[in-house]
């Protein structure tokens, strides 16, 4: 029980930082996935526009 009581202050410092890092990771992952999808959609639209012009 003493070990657990000694670990609580360390966990109180590490857990919020780890949670913030995880939140940042998933937010950046979502942004990059949205950017990739937008680039693919734009490329597809440009291909379709080029096909119509030919």
N, C-alpha and C. Protein backbone atom coordinates (compact mmCIF):
# COMPACT_ATOMS: atom_id res chain seq x y z
N UNK A 1 0.82 -1.20 0.00
CA UNK A 1 0.00 0.00 0.00
C UNK A 1 0.86 1.26 0.00
N UNK A 2 2.02 1.19 0.66
CA UNK A 2 2.91 2.35 0.68
C UNK A 2 3.44 2.66 -0.71
N UNK A 3 3.68 1.61 -1.50
CA UNK A 3 4.17 1.81 -2.87
C UNK A 3 3.14 2.56 -3.69
N UNK A 4 1.88 2.17 -3.58
CA UNK A 4 0.82 2.83 -4.33
C UNK A 4 0.67 4.30 -3.89
N UNK A 5 0.75 4.53 -2.60
CA UNK A 5 0.65 5.90 -2.09
C UNK A 5 1.82 6.75 -2.58
N UNK A 6 2.97 6.14 -2.74
CA UNK A 6 4.14 6.88 -3.21
C UNK A 6 4.04 7.17 -4.71
N UNK A 7 3.31 6.35 -5.44
CA UNK A 7 3.20 6.52 -6.89
C UNK A 7 2.15 7.56 -7.29
N UNK A 8 1.21 7.87 -6.44
CA UNK A 8 0.12 8.77 -6.79
C UNK A 8 0.62 10.15 -7.24
N UNK A 9 1.55 10.78 -6.58
CA UNK A 9 2.01 12.09 -7.07
C UNK A 9 2.65 12.02 -8.47
N UNK A 10 3.39 10.95 -8.72
CA UNK A 10 4.02 10.79 -10.03
C UNK A 10 2.96 10.58 -11.11
N UNK A 11 1.97 9.76 -10.80
CA UNK A 11 0.89 9.53 -11.76
C UNK A 11 0.09 10.80 -12.00
N UNK A 12 -0.09 11.60 -10.98
CA UNK A 12 -0.83 12.85 -11.12
C UNK A 12 -0.11 13.81 -12.06
N UNK A 13 1.19 13.69 -12.18
CA UNK A 13 1.96 14.54 -13.09
C UNK A 13 2.00 13.94 -14.50
N UNK A 14 2.16 12.63 -14.59
CA UNK A 14 2.37 11.98 -15.89
C UNK A 14 1.07 11.78 -16.66
N UNK A 15 -0.01 11.42 -16.00
CA UNK A 15 -1.26 11.10 -16.69
C UNK A 15 -1.81 12.28 -17.50
N UNK A 16 -1.90 13.49 -16.97
CA UNK A 16 -2.40 14.59 -17.81
C UNK A 16 -1.52 14.87 -19.02
N UNK A 17 -0.20 14.76 -18.85
CA UNK A 17 0.70 14.98 -19.97
C UNK A 17 0.51 13.91 -21.03
N UNK A 18 0.38 12.66 -20.61
CA UNK A 18 0.17 11.56 -21.56
C UNK A 18 -1.17 11.71 -22.26
N UNK A 19 -2.19 12.12 -21.54
CA UNK A 19 -3.50 12.31 -22.15
C UNK A 19 -3.47 13.45 -23.17
N UNK A 20 -2.78 14.51 -22.86
CA UNK A 20 -2.65 15.63 -23.79
C UNK A 20 -1.86 15.21 -25.03
N UNK A 21 -0.82 14.42 -24.84
CA UNK A 21 -0.03 13.93 -25.97
C UNK A 21 -0.89 13.04 -26.86
N UNK A 22 -1.71 12.18 -26.27
CA UNK A 22 -2.59 11.30 -27.05
C UNK A 22 -3.62 12.13 -27.81
N UNK A 23 -4.18 13.13 -27.16
CA UNK A 23 -5.15 14.01 -27.82
C UNK A 23 -4.51 14.73 -29.00
N UNK A 24 -3.31 15.24 -28.82
CA UNK A 24 -2.58 15.91 -29.89
C UNK A 24 -2.31 14.95 -31.05
N UNK A 25 -1.91 13.72 -30.73
CA UNK A 25 -1.63 12.71 -31.76
C UNK A 25 -2.87 12.44 -32.60
N UNK A 26 -4.00 12.19 -31.95
CA UNK A 26 -5.21 11.88 -32.70
C UNK A 26 -5.74 13.09 -33.48
N UNK A 27 -5.57 14.27 -32.94
CA UNK A 27 -5.99 15.48 -33.67
C UNK A 27 -5.14 15.67 -34.93
N UNK A 28 -3.83 15.50 -34.81
CA UNK A 28 -2.95 15.65 -35.97
C UNK A 28 -3.21 14.55 -36.98
N UNK A 29 -3.48 13.34 -36.51
CA UNK A 29 -3.78 12.23 -37.41
C UNK A 29 -5.05 12.53 -38.21
N UNK A 30 -6.06 13.07 -37.55
CA UNK A 30 -7.31 13.42 -38.23
C UNK A 30 -7.08 14.53 -39.25
N UNK A 31 -6.27 15.50 -38.91
CA UNK A 31 -5.98 16.61 -39.84
C UNK A 31 -5.25 16.08 -41.07
N UNK A 32 -4.24 15.25 -40.87
CA UNK A 32 -3.49 14.72 -42.00
C UNK A 32 -4.35 13.80 -42.87
N UNK A 33 -5.22 13.02 -42.25
CA UNK A 33 -6.12 12.16 -43.04
C UNK A 33 -7.10 13.00 -43.85
N UNK A 34 -7.61 14.07 -43.27
CA UNK A 34 -8.52 14.95 -44.00
C UNK A 34 -7.80 15.62 -45.15
N UNK A 35 -6.56 16.03 -44.93
CA UNK A 35 -5.78 16.66 -45.99
C UNK A 35 -5.53 15.67 -47.12
N UNK A 36 -5.20 14.43 -46.78
CA UNK A 36 -4.95 13.42 -47.80
C UNK A 36 -6.22 13.15 -48.61
N UNK A 37 -7.35 13.05 -47.93
CA UNK A 37 -8.62 12.82 -48.63
C UNK A 37 -8.96 14.00 -49.54
N UNK A 38 -8.71 15.21 -49.07
CA UNK A 38 -9.00 16.38 -49.89
C UNK A 38 -8.11 16.42 -51.13
N UNK A 39 -6.84 16.06 -50.97
CA UNK A 39 -5.93 16.04 -52.13
C UNK A 39 -6.37 14.98 -53.13
N UNK A 40 -6.79 13.81 -52.64
CA UNK A 40 -7.27 12.76 -53.55
C UNK A 40 -8.53 13.20 -54.29
N UNK A 41 -9.45 13.84 -53.59
CA UNK A 41 -10.67 14.32 -54.23
C UNK A 41 -10.36 15.40 -55.26
N UNK A 42 -9.44 16.30 -54.95
CA UNK A 42 -9.06 17.34 -55.89
C UNK A 42 -8.39 16.74 -57.13
N UNK A 43 -7.53 15.77 -56.93
CA UNK A 43 -6.88 15.11 -58.07
C UNK A 43 -7.91 14.41 -58.94
N UNK A 44 -8.88 13.76 -58.32
CA UNK A 44 -9.93 13.07 -59.08
C UNK A 44 -10.76 14.09 -59.87
N UNK A 45 -11.10 15.21 -59.26
CA UNK A 45 -11.87 16.24 -59.95
C UNK A 45 -11.09 16.81 -61.13
N UNK A 46 -9.79 17.01 -60.94
CA UNK A 46 -8.96 17.52 -62.03
C UNK A 46 -8.87 16.50 -63.17
N UNK A 47 -8.76 15.21 -62.83
CA UNK A 47 -8.73 14.19 -63.88
C UNK A 47 -10.03 14.17 -64.67
N UNK A 48 -11.16 14.28 -63.96
CA UNK A 48 -12.44 14.29 -64.63
C UNK A 48 -12.60 15.54 -65.51
N UNK A 49 -12.11 16.67 -65.05
CA UNK A 49 -12.19 17.91 -65.84
C UNK A 49 -11.30 17.80 -67.08
N UNK A 50 -10.13 17.21 -66.92
CA UNK A 50 -9.25 17.03 -68.07
C UNK A 50 -9.87 16.07 -69.10
N UNK A 51 -10.55 15.04 -68.62
CA UNK A 51 -11.20 14.09 -69.55
C UNK A 51 -12.31 14.77 -70.34
N UNK A 52 -13.03 15.69 -69.71
CA UNK A 52 -14.10 16.39 -70.39
C UNK A 52 -13.56 17.35 -71.47
N UNK A 53 -12.39 17.89 -71.23
CA UNK A 53 -11.80 18.83 -72.17
C UNK A 53 -11.20 18.12 -73.39
N UNK A 54 -10.82 16.88 -73.23
CA UNK A 54 -10.20 16.15 -74.36
C UNK A 54 -11.20 15.65 -75.34
